[in-house]
């Protein structure tokens, strides 16, 4: 960073606006400064687990999938389908997850059968 200061500028209604006046030696120092200002404002970058692109996370919520639309289905986003695909992959590749899924489905089937008999659990 070459220089740092504040300037007072006149707005539309002759209101004074105080702005930072920063001079940078090179693009790297600007990007470094901008990156840490973003972190200070709670903007964090993350890589989408579905498409692999980087996106900004703002606020308190931490997302692992972006809001970019899918190539083959333009009405759906990575966030819409990413977690479901990951869960399906876990159930296919991991025996523990597959057993858990079958237990859950079996329990739900029993509940629905008992609801048909006229009482609920």
PDB file of N, CA and C in Angstrom:
ATOM      1  N   UNK A   1       0.855  -1.163   0.000  1.00  0.00           N
ATOM      2  CA  UNK A   1       0.000   0.000   0.000  1.00  0.00           C
ATOM      3  C   UNK A   1       0.901   1.225   0.000  1.00  0.00           C
ATOM      4  N   UNK A   2       0.609   2.119  -0.905  1.00  0.00           N
ATOM      5  CA  UNK A   2       1.430   3.311  -1.065  1.00  0.00           C
ATOM      6  C   UNK A   2       0.983   4.448  -0.160  1.00  0.00           C
ATOM      7  N   UNK A   3      -0.322   4.709  -0.138  1.00  0.00           N
ATOM      8  CA  UNK A   3      -0.830   5.808   0.695  1.00  0.00           C
ATOM      9  C   UNK A   3      -2.220   5.459   1.206  1.00  0.00           C
ATOM     10  N   UNK A   4      -2.559   6.055   2.340  1.00  0.00           N
ATOM     11  CA  UNK A   4      -3.865   5.831   2.950  1.00  0.00           C
ATOM     12  C   UNK A   4      -4.333   7.131   3.561  1.00  0.00           C
ATOM     13  N   UNK A   5      -5.594   7.486   3.352  1.00  0.00           N
ATOM     14  CA  UNK A   5      -6.150   8.702   3.927  1.00  0.00           C
ATOM     15  C   UNK A   5      -7.648   8.739   3.726  1.00  0.00           C
ATOM     16  N   UNK A   6      -8.234   9.840   4.127  1.00  0.00           N
ATOM     17  CA  UNK A   6      -9.675  10.029   3.987  1.00  0.00           C
ATOM     18  C   UNK A   6      -9.937  11.293   3.192  1.00  0.00           C
ATOM     19  N   UNK A   7     -11.002  11.289   2.402  1.00  0.00           N
ATOM     20  CA  UNK A   7     -11.422  12.453   1.633  1.00  0.00           C
ATOM     21  C   UNK A   7     -12.886  12.727   1.926  1.00  0.00           C
ATOM     22  N   UNK A   8     -13.243  13.990   1.882  1.00  0.00           N
ATOM     23  CA  UNK A   8     -14.639  14.386   2.012  1.00  0.00           C
ATOM     24  C   UNK A   8     -15.146  14.788   0.634  1.00  0.00           C
ATOM     25  N   UNK A   9     -16.158  14.120   0.159  1.00  0.00           N
ATOM     26  CA  UNK A   9     -16.760  14.407  -1.141  1.00  0.00           C
ATOM     27  C   UNK A   9     -18.177  14.897  -0.957  1.00  0.00           C
ATOM     28  N   UNK A  10     -18.649  15.713  -1.917  1.00  0.00           N
ATOM     29  CA  UNK A  10     -20.026  16.198  -1.854  1.00  0.00           C
ATOM     30  C   UNK A  10     -20.935  15.208  -2.563  1.00  0.00           C
ATOM     31  N   UNK A  11     -22.046  14.867  -1.909  1.00  0.00           N
ATOM     32  CA  UNK A  11     -23.030  13.972  -2.485  1.00  0.00           C
ATOM     33  C   UNK A  11     -24.010  14.714  -3.360  1.00  0.00           C
ATOM     34  N   UNK A  12     -25.112  14.042  -3.706  1.00  0.00           N
ATOM     35  CA  UNK A  12     -26.127  14.626  -4.590  1.00  0.00           C
ATOM     36  C   UNK A  12     -26.835  15.817  -3.955  1.00  0.00           C
ATOM     37  N   UNK A  13     -27.077  15.762  -2.657  1.00  0.00           N
ATOM     38  CA  UNK A  13     -27.806  16.825  -1.962  1.00  0.00           C
ATOM     39  C   UNK A  13     -26.861  17.743  -1.206  1.00  0.00           C
ATOM     40  N   UNK A  14     -25.650  17.906  -1.697  1.00  0.00           N
ATOM     41  CA  UNK A  14     -24.592  18.683  -1.047  1.00  0.00           C
ATOM     42  C   UNK A  14     -24.254  18.156   0.337  1.00  0.00           C
ATOM     43  N   UNK A  15     -24.528  16.867   0.576  1.00  0.00           N
ATOM     44  CA  UNK A  15     -24.118  16.227   1.819  1.00  0.00           C
ATOM     45  C   UNK A  15     -22.666  15.792   1.680  1.00  0.00           C
ATOM     46  N   UNK A  16     -21.932  15.853   2.780  1.00  0.00           N
ATOM     47  CA  UNK A  16     -20.545  15.409   2.756  1.00  0.00           C
ATOM     48  C   UNK A  16     -20.472  13.909   2.997  1.00  0.00           C
ATOM     49  N   UNK A  17     -19.682  13.249   2.179  1.00  0.00           N
ATOM     50  CA  UNK A  17     -19.466  11.812   2.295  1.00  0.00           C
ATOM     51  C   UNK A  17     -17.984  11.597   2.555  1.00  0.00           C
ATOM     52  N   UNK A  18     -17.667  10.878   3.609  1.00  0.00           N
ATOM     53  CA  UNK A  18     -16.271  10.597   3.927  1.00  0.00           C
ATOM     54  C   UNK A  18     -15.897   9.256   3.308  1.00  0.00           C
ATOM     55  N   UNK A  19     -14.830   9.253   2.514  1.00  0.00           N
ATOM     56  CA  UNK A  19     -14.385   8.056   1.798  1.00  0.00           C
ATOM     57  C   UNK A  19     -12.917   7.789   2.107  1.00  0.00           C
ATOM     58  N   UNK A  20     -12.560   6.522   2.030  1.00  0.00           N
ATOM     59  CA  UNK A  20     -11.154   6.154   2.151  1.00  0.00           C
ATOM     60  C   UNK A  20     -10.456   6.429   0.833  1.00  0.00           C
ATOM     61  N   UNK A  21      -9.256   6.990   0.894  1.00  0.00           N
ATOM     62  CA  UNK A  21      -8.439   7.238  -0.284  1.00  0.00           C
ATOM     63  C   UNK A  21      -7.176   6.406  -0.130  1.00  0.00           C
ATOM     64  N   UNK A  22      -7.078   5.336  -0.926  1.00  0.00           N
ATOM     65  CA  UNK A  22      -5.979   4.391  -0.781  1.00  0.00           C
ATOM     66  C   UNK A  22      -5.250   4.285  -2.114  1.00  0.00           C
ATOM     67  N   UNK A  23      -3.945   4.368  -2.074  1.00  0.00           N
ATOM     68  CA  UNK A  23      -3.129   4.169  -3.266  1.00  0.00           C
ATOM     69  C   UNK A  23      -2.347   2.870  -3.137  1.00  0.00           C
ATOM     70  N   UNK A  24      -2.337   2.076  -4.181  1.00  0.00           N
ATOM     71  CA  UNK A  24      -1.650   0.781  -4.159  1.00  0.00           C
ATOM     72  C   UNK A  24      -0.495   0.777  -5.148  1.00  0.00           C
ATOM     73  N   UNK A  25       0.556   0.060  -4.804  1.00  0.00           N
ATOM     74  CA  UNK A  25       1.720  -0.068  -5.682  1.00  0.00           C
ATOM     75  C   UNK A  25       1.464  -1.042  -6.823  1.00  0.00           C
ATOM     76  N   UNK A  26       0.728  -2.096  -6.540  1.00  0.00           N
ATOM     77  CA  UNK A  26       0.505  -3.130  -7.547  1.00  0.00           C
ATOM     78  C   UNK A  26      -0.838  -3.795  -7.313  1.00  0.00           C
ATOM     79  N   UNK A  27      -1.223  -4.628  -8.238  1.00  0.00           N
ATOM     80  CA  UNK A  27      -2.510  -5.318  -8.165  1.00  0.00           C
ATOM     81  C   UNK A  27      -2.557  -6.296  -7.001  1.00  0.00           C
ATOM     82  N   UNK A  28      -1.443  -6.946  -6.687  1.00  0.00           N
ATOM     83  CA  UNK A  28      -1.406  -7.910  -5.592  1.00  0.00           C
ATOM     84  C   UNK A  28      -1.738  -7.287  -4.248  1.00  0.00           C
ATOM     85  N   UNK A  29      -1.205  -6.093  -3.996  1.00  0.00           N
ATOM     86  CA  UNK A  29      -1.504  -5.443  -2.717  1.00  0.00           C
ATOM     87  C   UNK A  29      -2.965  -5.017  -2.641  1.00  0.00           C
ATOM     88  N   UNK A  30      -3.544  -4.597  -3.789  1.00  0.00           N
ATOM     89  CA  UNK A  30      -4.970  -4.265  -3.810  1.00  0.00           C
ATOM     90  C   UNK A  30      -5.823  -5.490  -3.508  1.00  0.00           C
ATOM     91  N   UNK A  31      -5.526  -6.624  -4.154  1.00  0.00           N
ATOM     92  CA  UNK A  31      -6.297  -7.844  -3.939  1.00  0.00           C
ATOM     93  C   UNK A  31      -6.167  -8.338  -2.499  1.00  0.00           C
ATOM     94  N   UNK A  32      -4.988  -8.238  -1.941  1.00  0.00           N
ATOM     95  CA  UNK A  32      -4.754  -8.623  -0.551  1.00  0.00           C
ATOM     96  C   UNK A  32      -5.607  -7.778   0.390  1.00  0.00           C
ATOM     97  N   UNK A  33      -5.596  -6.467   0.182  1.00  0.00           N
ATOM     98  CA  UNK A  33      -6.387  -5.556   1.007  1.00  0.00           C
ATOM     99  C   UNK A  33      -7.875  -5.842   0.844  1.00  0.00           C
ATOM    100  N   UNK A  34      -8.319  -6.016  -0.397  1.00  0.00           N
ATOM    101  CA  UNK A  34      -9.727  -6.262  -0.672  1.00  0.00           C
ATOM    102  C   UNK A  34     -10.195  -7.584  -0.074  1.00  0.00           C
ATOM    103  N   UNK A  35      -9.352  -8.596  -0.115  1.00  0.00           N
ATOM    104  CA  UNK A  35      -9.675  -9.902   0.455  1.00  0.00           C
ATOM    105  C   UNK A  35      -9.950  -9.789   1.955  1.00  0.00           C
ATOM    106  N   UNK A  36      -9.087  -9.073   2.674  1.00  0.00           N
ATOM    107  CA  UNK A  36      -9.274  -8.964   4.118  1.00  0.00           C
ATOM    108  C   UNK A  36     -10.411  -8.027   4.497  1.00  0.00           C
ATOM    109  N   UNK A  37     -10.709  -7.046   3.676  1.00  0.00           N
ATOM    110  CA  UNK A  37     -11.900  -6.219   3.912  1.00  0.00           C
ATOM    111  C   UNK A  37     -13.155  -7.088   3.755  1.00  0.00           C
ATOM    112  N   UNK A  38     -13.151  -7.980   2.778  1.00  0.00           N
ATOM    113  CA  UNK A  38     -14.285  -8.896   2.592  1.00  0.00           C
ATOM    114  C   UNK A  38     -14.476  -9.813   3.781  1.00  0.00           C
ATOM    115  N   UNK A  39     -13.377 -10.346   4.319  1.00  0.00           N
ATOM    116  CA  UNK A  39     -13.475 -11.201   5.506  1.00  0.00           C
ATOM    117  C   UNK A  39     -14.011 -10.410   6.696  1.00  0.00           C
ATOM    118  N   UNK A  40     -13.568  -9.174   6.814  1.00  0.00           N
ATOM    119  CA  UNK A  40     -14.043  -8.318   7.909  1.00  0.00           C
ATOM    120  C   UNK A  40     -15.546  -8.062   7.800  1.00  0.00           C
ATOM    121  N   UNK A  41     -16.076  -8.044   6.574  1.00  0.00           N
ATOM    122  CA  UNK A  41     -17.507  -7.834   6.344  1.00  0.00           C
ATOM    123  C   UNK A  41     -18.291  -9.149   6.313  1.00  0.00           C
ATOM    124  N   UNK A  42     -17.688 -10.264   6.738  1.00  0.00           N
ATOM    125  CA  UNK A  42     -18.296 -11.601   6.780  1.00  0.00           C
ATOM    126  C   UNK A  42     -18.568 -12.191   5.405  1.00  0.00           C
ATOM    127  N   UNK A  43     -17.721 -11.902   4.435  1.00  0.00           N
ATOM    128  CA  UNK A  43     -17.779 -12.552   3.133  1.00  0.00           C
ATOM    129  C   UNK A  43     -16.619 -13.529   3.061  1.00  0.00           C
ATOM    130  N   UNK A  44     -16.939 -14.809   2.876  1.00  0.00           N
ATOM    131  CA  UNK A  44     -15.927 -15.852   2.822  1.00  0.00           C
ATOM    132  C   UNK A  44     -16.132 -16.633   1.527  1.00  0.00           C
ATOM    133  N   UNK A  45     -15.051 -17.019   0.887  1.00  0.00           N
ATOM    134  CA  UNK A  45     -15.193 -17.798  -0.342  1.00  0.00           C
ATOM    135  C   UNK A  45     -15.196 -19.287  -0.022  1.00  0.00           C
ATOM    136  N   UNK A  46     -15.877 -20.038  -0.853  1.00  0.00           N
ATOM    137  CA  UNK A  46     -15.966 -21.482  -0.697  1.00  0.00           C
ATOM    138  C   UNK A  46     -16.066 -22.107  -2.078  1.00  0.00           C
ATOM    139  N   UNK A  47     -15.674 -23.361  -2.196  1.00  0.00           N
ATOM    140  CA  UNK A  47     -15.777 -24.079  -3.464  1.00  0.00           C
ATOM    141  C   UNK A  47     -17.003 -24.989  -3.413  1.00  0.00           C
ATOM    142  N   UNK A  48     -17.817 -24.925  -4.451  1.00  0.00           N
ATOM    143  CA  UNK A  48     -19.032 -25.734  -4.538  1.00  0.00           C
ATOM    144  C   UNK A  48     -18.657 -27.209  -4.631  1.00  0.00           C
ATOM    145  N   UNK A  49     -19.322 -28.043  -3.837  1.00  0.00           N
ATOM    146  CA  UNK A  49     -19.055 -29.474  -3.835  1.00  0.00           C
ATOM    147  C   UNK A  49     -19.669 -30.178  -5.035  1.00  0.00           C
ATOM    148  N   UNK A  50     -20.520 -29.469  -5.788  1.00  0.00           N
ATOM    149  CA  UNK A  50     -21.166 -30.071  -6.947  1.00  0.00           C
ATOM    150  C   UNK A  50     -20.442 -29.699  -8.251  1.00  0.00           C
ATOM    151  N   UNK A  51     -20.277 -28.394  -8.521  1.00  0.00           N
ATOM    152  CA  UNK A  51     -19.683 -27.969  -9.792  1.00  0.00           C
ATOM    153  C   UNK A  51     -18.215 -27.575  -9.670  1.00  0.00           C
ATOM    154  N   UNK A  52     -17.723 -27.313  -8.473  1.00  0.00           N
ATOM    155  CA  UNK A  52     -16.317 -26.985  -8.272  1.00  0.00           C
ATOM    156  C   UNK A  52     -15.979 -25.511  -8.428  1.00  0.00           C
ATOM    157  N   UNK A  53     -16.960 -24.654  -8.700  1.00  0.00           N
ATOM    158  CA  UNK A  53     -16.702 -23.216  -8.846  1.00  0.00           C
ATOM    159  C   UNK A  53     -16.668 -22.552  -7.477  1.00  0.00           C
ATOM    160  N   UNK A  54     -15.921 -21.443  -7.385  1.00  0.00           N
ATOM    161  CA  UNK A  54     -15.866 -20.676  -6.152  1.00  0.00           C
ATOM    162  C   UNK A  54     -17.046 -19.718  -6.084  1.00  0.00           C
ATOM    163  N   UNK A  55     -17.540 -19.476  -4.863  1.00  0.00           N
ATOM    164  CA  UNK A  55     -18.618 -18.529  -4.645  1.00  0.00           C
ATOM    165  C   UNK A  55     -18.445 -17.886  -3.280  1.00  0.00           C
ATOM    166  N   UNK A  56     -19.091 -16.754  -3.065  1.00  0.00           N
ATOM    167  CA  UNK A  56     -18.982 -16.026  -1.800  1.00  0.00           C
ATOM    168  C   UNK A  56     -20.109 -16.417  -0.866  1.00  0.00           C
ATOM    169  N   UNK A  57     -19.755 -16.647   0.370  1.00  0.00           N
ATOM    170  CA  UNK A  57     -20.729 -16.899   1.421  1.00  0.00           C
ATOM    171  C   UNK A  57     -20.853 -15.618   2.212  1.00  0.00           C
ATOM    172  N   UNK A  58     -22.054 -15.124   2.364  1.00  0.00           N
ATOM    173  CA  UNK A  58     -22.247 -13.904   3.138  1.00  0.00           C
ATOM    174  C   UNK A  58     -23.173 -14.190   4.306  1.00  0.00           C
ATOM    175  N   UNK A  59     -22.936 -13.540   5.398  1.00  0.00           N
ATOM    176  CA  UNK A  59     -23.792 -13.697   6.562  1.00  0.00           C
ATOM    177  C   UNK A  59     -23.386 -14.861   7.433  1.00  0.00           C
ATOM    178  N   UNK A  60     -24.359 -15.373   8.177  1.00  0.00           N
ATOM    179  CA  UNK A  60     -24.095 -16.403   9.179  1.00  0.00           C
ATOM    180  C   UNK A  60     -24.160 -17.818   8.616  1.00  0.00           C
ATOM    181  N   UNK A  61     -24.811 -18.022   7.489  1.00  0.00           N
ATOM    182  CA  UNK A  61     -25.035 -19.369   6.970  1.00  0.00           C
ATOM    183  C   UNK A  61     -23.843 -19.836   6.167  1.00  0.00           C
ATOM    184  N   UNK A  62     -23.444 -21.077   6.368  1.00  0.00           N
ATOM    185  CA  UNK A  62     -22.328 -21.671   5.647  1.00  0.00           C
ATOM    186  C   UNK A  62     -22.882 -22.677   4.653  1.00  0.00           C
ATOM    187  N   UNK A  63     -22.685 -22.438   3.383  1.00  0.00           N
ATOM    188  CA  UNK A  63     -23.204 -23.311   2.339  1.00  0.00           C
ATOM    189  C   UNK A  63     -22.063 -24.065   1.677  1.00  0.00           C
ATOM    190  N   UNK A  64     -22.317 -25.287   1.259  1.00  0.00           N
ATOM    191  CA  UNK A  64     -21.328 -26.055   0.516  1.00  0.00           C
ATOM    192  C   UNK A  64     -21.688 -26.138  -0.960  1.00  0.00           C
ATOM    193  N   UNK A  65     -22.845 -25.594  -1.350  1.00  0.00           N
ATOM    194  CA  UNK A  65     -23.279 -25.606  -2.744  1.00  0.00           C
ATOM    195  C   UNK A  65     -23.649 -24.187  -3.168  1.00  0.00           C
ATOM    196  N   UNK A  66     -23.324 -23.839  -4.410  1.00  0.00           N
ATOM    197  CA  UNK A  66     -23.563 -22.487  -4.920  1.00  0.00           C
ATOM    198  C   UNK A  66     -24.982 -22.352  -5.484  1.00  0.00           C
ATOM    199  N   UNK A  67     -25.309 -21.158  -5.937  1.00  0.00           N
ATOM    200  CA  UNK A  67     -26.616 -20.893  -6.544  1.00  0.00           C
ATOM    201  C   UNK A  67     -26.560 -20.860  -8.059  1.00  0.00           C
ATOM    202  N   UNK A  68     -25.485 -21.354  -8.657  1.00  0.00           N
ATOM    203  CA  UNK A  68     -25.390 -21.401 -10.121  1.00  0.00           C
ATOM    204  C   UNK A  68     -26.358 -22.439 -10.667  1.00  0.00           C
ATOM    205  N   UNK A  69     -26.938 -22.127 -11.820  1.00  0.00           N
ATOM    206  CA  UNK A  69     -27.876 -23.080 -12.419  1.00  0.00           C
ATOM    207  C   UNK A  69     -27.103 -24.223 -13.072  1.00  0.00           C
ATOM    208  N   UNK A  70     -27.729 -25.388 -13.112  1.00  0.00           N
ATOM    209  CA  UNK A  70     -27.106 -26.563 -13.690  1.00  0.00           C
ATOM    210  C   UNK A  70     -27.081 -26.468 -15.215  1.00  0.00           C
ATOM    211  N   UNK A  71     -26.105 -27.128 -15.832  1.00  0.00           N
ATOM    212  CA  UNK A  71     -25.990 -27.077 -17.289  1.00  0.00           C
ATOM    213  C   UNK A  71     -27.147 -27.795 -17.970  1.00  0.00           C
ATOM    214  N   UNK A  72     -27.511 -28.976 -17.467  1.00  0.00           N
ATOM    215  CA  UNK A  72     -28.555 -29.765 -18.127  1.00  0.00           C
ATOM    216  C   UNK A  72     -29.964 -29.391 -17.677  1.00  0.00           C
ATOM    217  N   UNK A  73     -30.112 -28.779 -16.503  1.00  0.00           N
ATOM    218  CA  UNK A  73     -31.422 -28.346 -16.003  1.00  0.00           C
ATOM    219  C   UNK A  73     -31.296 -26.902 -15.544  1.00  0.00           C
ATOM    220  N   UNK A  74     -31.719 -25.965 -16.361  1.00  0.00           N
ATOM    221  CA  UNK A  74     -31.513 -24.546 -16.059  1.00  0.00           C
ATOM    222  C   UNK A  74     -32.423 -24.033 -14.943  1.00  0.00           C
ATOM    223  N   UNK A  75     -33.488 -24.757 -14.621  1.00  0.00           N
ATOM    224  CA  UNK A  75     -34.391 -24.299 -13.568  1.00  0.00           C
ATOM    225  C   UNK A  75     -33.937 -24.735 -12.174  1.00  0.00           C
ATOM    226  N   UNK A  76     -32.908 -25.586 -12.077  1.00  0.00           N
ATOM    227  CA  UNK A  76     -32.406 -26.050 -10.787  1.00  0.00           C
ATOM    228  C   UNK A  76     -30.979 -25.548 -10.565  1.00  0.00           C
ATOM    229  N   UNK A  77     -30.617 -25.385  -9.293  1.00  0.00           N
ATOM    230  CA  UNK A  77     -29.280 -24.926  -8.942  1.00  0.00           C
ATOM    231  C   UNK A  77     -28.511 -26.040  -8.242  1.00  0.00           C
ATOM    232  N   UNK A  78     -27.224 -25.832  -8.064  1.00  0.00           N
ATOM    233  CA  UNK A  78     -26.399 -26.808  -7.344  1.00  0.00           C
ATOM    234  C   UNK A  78     -26.925 -27.011  -5.926  1.00  0.00           C
ATOM    235  N   UNK A  79     -27.390 -25.939  -5.301  1.00  0.00           N
ATOM    236  CA  UNK A  79     -27.903 -26.037  -3.938  1.00  0.00           C
ATOM    237  C   UNK A  79     -29.166 -26.881  -3.886  1.00  0.00           C
ATOM    238  N   UNK A  80     -29.960 -26.872  -4.960  1.00  0.00           N
ATOM    239  CA  UNK A  80     -31.187 -27.669  -5.001  1.00  0.00           C
ATOM    240  C   UNK A  80     -30.895 -29.164  -5.063  1.00  0.00           C
ATOM    241  N   UNK A  81     -29.925 -29.566  -5.858  1.00  0.00           N
ATOM    242  CA  UNK A  81     -29.717 -30.992  -6.104  1.00  0.00           C
ATOM    243  C   UNK A  81     -28.450 -31.565  -5.470  1.00  0.00           C
ATOM    244  N   UNK A  82     -27.536 -30.721  -5.015  1.00  0.00           N
ATOM    245  CA  UNK A  82     -26.240 -31.194  -4.532  1.00  0.00           C
ATOM    246  C   UNK A  82     -26.308 -32.100  -3.325  1.00  0.00           C
ATOM    247  N   UNK A  83     -27.038 -31.697  -2.318  1.00  0.00           N
ATOM    248  CA  UNK A  83     -27.083 -32.501  -1.092  1.00  0.00           C
ATOM    249  C   UNK A  83     -27.808 -33.822  -1.319  1.00  0.00           C
ATOM    250  N   UNK A  84     -28.836 -33.833  -2.149  1.00  0.00           N
ATOM    251  CA  UNK A  84     -29.558 -35.079  -2.463  1.00  0.00           C
ATOM    252  C   UNK A  84     -28.650 -36.054  -3.211  1.00  0.00           C
ATOM    253  N   UNK A  85     -27.866 -35.546  -4.172  1.00  0.00           N
ATOM    254  CA  UNK A  85     -26.933 -36.411  -4.900  1.00  0.00           C
ATOM    255  C   UNK A  85     -25.871 -36.986  -3.972  1.00  0.00           C
ATOM    256  N   UNK A  86     -25.380 -36.160  -3.067  1.00  0.00           N
ATOM    257  CA  UNK A  86     -24.345 -36.622  -2.134  1.00  0.00           C
ATOM    258  C   UNK A  86     -24.901 -37.699  -1.203  1.00  0.00           C
ATOM    259  N   UNK A  87     -26.127 -37.509  -0.733  1.00  0.00           N
ATOM    260  CA  UNK A  87     -26.752 -38.503   0.137  1.00  0.00           C
ATOM    261  C   UNK A  87     -26.969 -39.813  -0.610  1.00  0.00           C
ATOM    262  N   UNK A  88     -27.435 -39.740  -1.858  1.00  0.00           N
ATOM    263  CA  UNK A  88     -27.634 -40.953  -2.663  1.00  0.00           C
ATOM    264  C   UNK A  88     -26.313 -41.683  -2.893  1.00  0.00           C
ATOM    265  N   UNK A  89     -25.240 -40.926  -3.147  1.00  0.00           N
ATOM    266  CA  UNK A  89     -23.918 -41.546  -3.330  1.00  0.00           C
ATOM    267  C   UNK A  89     -23.462 -42.242  -2.054  1.00  0.00           C
ATOM    268  N   UNK A  90     -23.715 -41.616  -0.904  1.00  0.00           N
ATOM    269  CA  UNK A  90     -23.347 -42.247   0.374  1.00  0.00           C
ATOM    270  C   UNK A  90     -24.100 -43.558   0.562  1.00  0.00           C
ATOM    271  N   UNK A  91     -25.375 -43.557   0.239  1.00  0.00           N
ATOM    272  CA  UNK A  91     -26.182 -44.769   0.411  1.00  0.00           C
ATOM    273  C   UNK A  91     -25.720 -45.880  -0.525  1.00  0.00           C
ATOM    274  N   UNK A  92     -25.252 -45.532  -1.725  1.00  0.00           N
ATOM    275  CA  UNK A  92     -24.786 -46.546  -2.664  1.00  0.00           C
ATOM    276  C   UNK A  92     -23.420 -47.106  -2.271  1.00  0.00           C
ATOM    277  N   UNK A  93     -22.515 -46.261  -1.803  1.00  0.00           N
ATOM    278  CA  UNK A  93     -21.122 -46.653  -1.596  1.00  0.00           C
ATOM    279  C   UNK A  93     -20.796 -47.092  -0.173  1.00  0.00           C
ATOM    280  N   UNK A  94     -21.620 -46.755   0.804  1.00  0.00           N
ATOM    281  CA  UNK A  94     -21.311 -47.064   2.202  1.00  0.00           C
ATOM    282  C   UNK A  94     -22.391 -47.999   2.754  1.00  0.00           C
ATOM    283  N   UNK A  95     -21.986 -49.158   3.240  1.00  0.00           N
ATOM    284  CA  UNK A  95     -22.953 -50.139   3.741  1.00  0.00           C
ATOM    285  C   UNK A  95     -23.698 -49.644   4.971  1.00  0.00           C
ATOM    286  N   UNK A  96     -23.021 -48.873   5.825  1.00  0.00           N
ATOM    287  CA  UNK A  96     -23.680 -48.353   7.034  1.00  0.00           C
ATOM    288  C   UNK A  96     -24.809 -47.413   6.649  1.00  0.00           C
ATOM    289  N   UNK A  97     -24.549 -46.512   5.688  1.00  0.00           N
ATOM    290  CA  UNK A  97     -25.594 -45.600   5.243  1.00  0.00           C
ATOM    291  C   UNK A  97     -26.742 -46.352   4.574  1.00  0.00           C
ATOM    292  N   UNK A  98     -26.412 -47.392   3.818  1.00  0.00           N
ATOM    293  CA  UNK A  98     -27.458 -48.189   3.160  1.00  0.00           C
ATOM    294  C   UNK A  98     -28.329 -48.893   4.200  1.00  0.00           C
ATOM    295  N   UNK A  99     -27.703 -49.455   5.253  1.00  0.00           N
ATOM    296  CA  UNK A  99     -28.474 -50.107   6.317  1.00  0.00           C
ATOM    297  C   UNK A  99     -29.344 -49.100   7.057  1.00  0.00           C
ATOM    298  N   UNK A 100     -28.783 -47.924   7.319  1.00  0.00           N
ATOM    299  CA  UNK A 100     -29.558 -46.878   7.990  1.00  0.00           C
ATOM    300  C   UNK A 100     -30.769 -46.498   7.148  1.00  0.00           C
ATOM    301  N   UNK A 101     -30.569 -46.327   5.846  1.00  0.00           N
ATOM    302  CA  UNK A 101     -31.672 -45.966   4.960  1.00  0.00           C
ATOM    303  C   UNK A 101     -32.749 -47.049   4.949  1.00  0.00           C
ATOM    304  N   UNK A 102     -32.337 -48.322   4.908  1.00  0.00           N
ATOM    305  CA  UNK A 102     -33.332 -49.395   4.891  1.00  0.00           C
ATOM    306  C   UNK A 102     -34.079 -49.468   6.221  1.00  0.00           C
ATOM    307  N   UNK A 103     -33.391 -49.204   7.344  1.00  0.00           N
ATOM    308  CA  UNK A 103     -34.071 -49.177   8.648  1.00  0.00           C
ATOM    309  C   UNK A 103     -35.081 -48.046   8.709  1.00  0.00           C
ATOM    310  N   UNK A 104     -34.693 -46.883   8.202  1.00  0.00           N
ATOM    311  CA  UNK A 104     -35.611 -45.742   8.208  1.00  0.00           C
ATOM    312  C   UNK A 104     -36.824 -46.051   7.342  1.00  0.00           C
ATOM    313  N   UNK A 105     -36.592 -46.584   6.163  1.00  0.00           N
ATOM    314  CA  UNK A 105     -37.707 -46.917   5.273  1.00  0.00           C
ATOM    315  C   UNK A 105     -38.598 -47.994   5.893  1.00  0.00           C
ATOM    316  N   UNK A 106     -37.996 -48.985   6.543  1.00  0.00           N
ATOM    317  CA  UNK A 106     -38.786 -50.031   7.194  1.00  0.00           C
ATOM    318  C   UNK A 106     -39.638 -49.477   8.314  1.00  0.00           C
ATOM    319  N   UNK A 107     -39.083 -48.566   9.120  1.00  0.00           N
ATOM    320  CA  UNK A 107     -39.824 -47.943  10.206  1.00  0.00           C
ATOM    321  C   UNK A 107     -40.966 -47.114   9.657  1.00  0.00           C
ATOM    322  N   UNK A 108     -40.719 -46.365   8.592  1.00  0.00           N
ATOM    323  CA  UNK A 108     -41.780 -45.558   8.007  1.00  0.00           C
ATOM    324  C   UNK A 108     -42.885 -46.427   7.432  1.00  0.00           C
ATOM    325  N   UNK A 109     -42.519 -47.552   6.832  1.00  0.00           N
ATOM    326  CA  UNK A 109     -43.540 -48.460   6.290  1.00  0.00           C
ATOM    327  C   UNK A 109     -44.406 -49.019   7.411  1.00  0.00           C
ATOM    328  N   UNK A 110     -43.780 -49.379   8.561  1.00  0.00           N
ATOM    329  CA  UNK A 110     -44.557 -49.888   9.687  1.00  0.00           C
ATOM    330  C   UNK A 110     -45.511 -48.838  10.214  1.00  0.00           C
ATOM    331  N   UNK A 111     -45.055 -47.576  10.286  1.00  0.00           N
ATOM    332  CA  UNK A 111     -45.909 -46.494  10.773  1.00  0.00           C
ATOM    333  C   UNK A 111     -47.095 -46.318   9.849  1.00  0.00           C
ATOM    334  N   UNK A 112     -46.885 -46.332   8.549  1.00  0.00           N
ATOM    335  CA  UNK A 112     -47.981 -46.154   7.607  1.00  0.00           C
ATOM    336  C   UNK A 112     -48.953 -47.331   7.665  1.00  0.00           C
ATOM    337  N   UNK A 113     -48.459 -48.548   7.888  1.00  0.00           N
ATOM    338  CA  UNK A 113     -49.351 -49.700   8.011  1.00  0.00           C
ATOM    339  C   UNK A 113     -50.221 -49.564   9.247  1.00  0.00           C
ATOM    340  N   UNK A 114     -49.642 -49.098  10.359  1.00  0.00           N
ATOM    341  CA  UNK A 114     -50.422 -48.949  11.591  1.00  0.00           C
ATOM    342  C   UNK A 114     -51.402 -47.797  11.485  1.00  0.00           C
ATOM    343  N   UNK A 115     -51.061 -46.763  10.718  1.00  0.00           N
ATOM    344  CA  UNK A 115     -52.016 -45.663  10.510  1.00  0.00           C
ATOM    345  C   UNK A 115     -53.210 -46.148   9.720  1.00  0.00           C
ATOM    346  N   UNK A 116     -53.016 -47.084   8.799  1.00  0.00           N
ATOM    347  CA  UNK A 116     -54.118 -47.624   8.015  1.00  0.00           C
ATOM    348  C   UNK A 116     -55.057 -48.455   8.878  1.00  0.00           C
ATOM    349  N   UNK A 117     -54.564 -49.031   9.989  1.00  0.00           N
ATOM    350  CA  UNK A 117     -55.405 -49.817  10.868  1.00  0.00           C
ATOM    351  C   UNK A 117     -56.295 -48.943  11.746  1.00  0.00           C
ATOM    352  N   UNK A 118     -56.102 -47.638  11.717  1.00  0.00           N
ATOM    353  CA  UNK A 118     -56.984 -46.749  12.454  1.00  0.00           C
ATOM    354  C   UNK A 118     -56.354 -46.144  13.702  1.00  0.00           C
ATOM    355  N   UNK A 119     -55.133 -46.405  13.996  1.00  0.00           N
ATOM    356  CA  UNK A 119     -54.476 -45.742  15.123  1.00  0.00           C
ATOM    357  C   UNK A 119     -53.059 -45.355  14.725  1.00  0.00           C
ATOM    358  N   UNK A 120     -52.526 -44.408  15.495  1.00  0.00           N
ATOM    359  CA  UNK A 120     -51.185 -43.897  15.194  1.00  0.00           C
ATOM    360  C   UNK A 120     -50.255 -44.170  16.338  1.00  0.00           C
ATOM    361  N   UNK A 121     -48.984 -44.201  16.032  1.00  0.00           N
ATOM    362  CA  UNK A 121     -47.964 -44.403  17.065  1.00  0.00           C
ATOM    363  C   UNK A 121     -47.654 -43.085  17.718  1.00  0.00           C
TER     364      UNK A 121
END
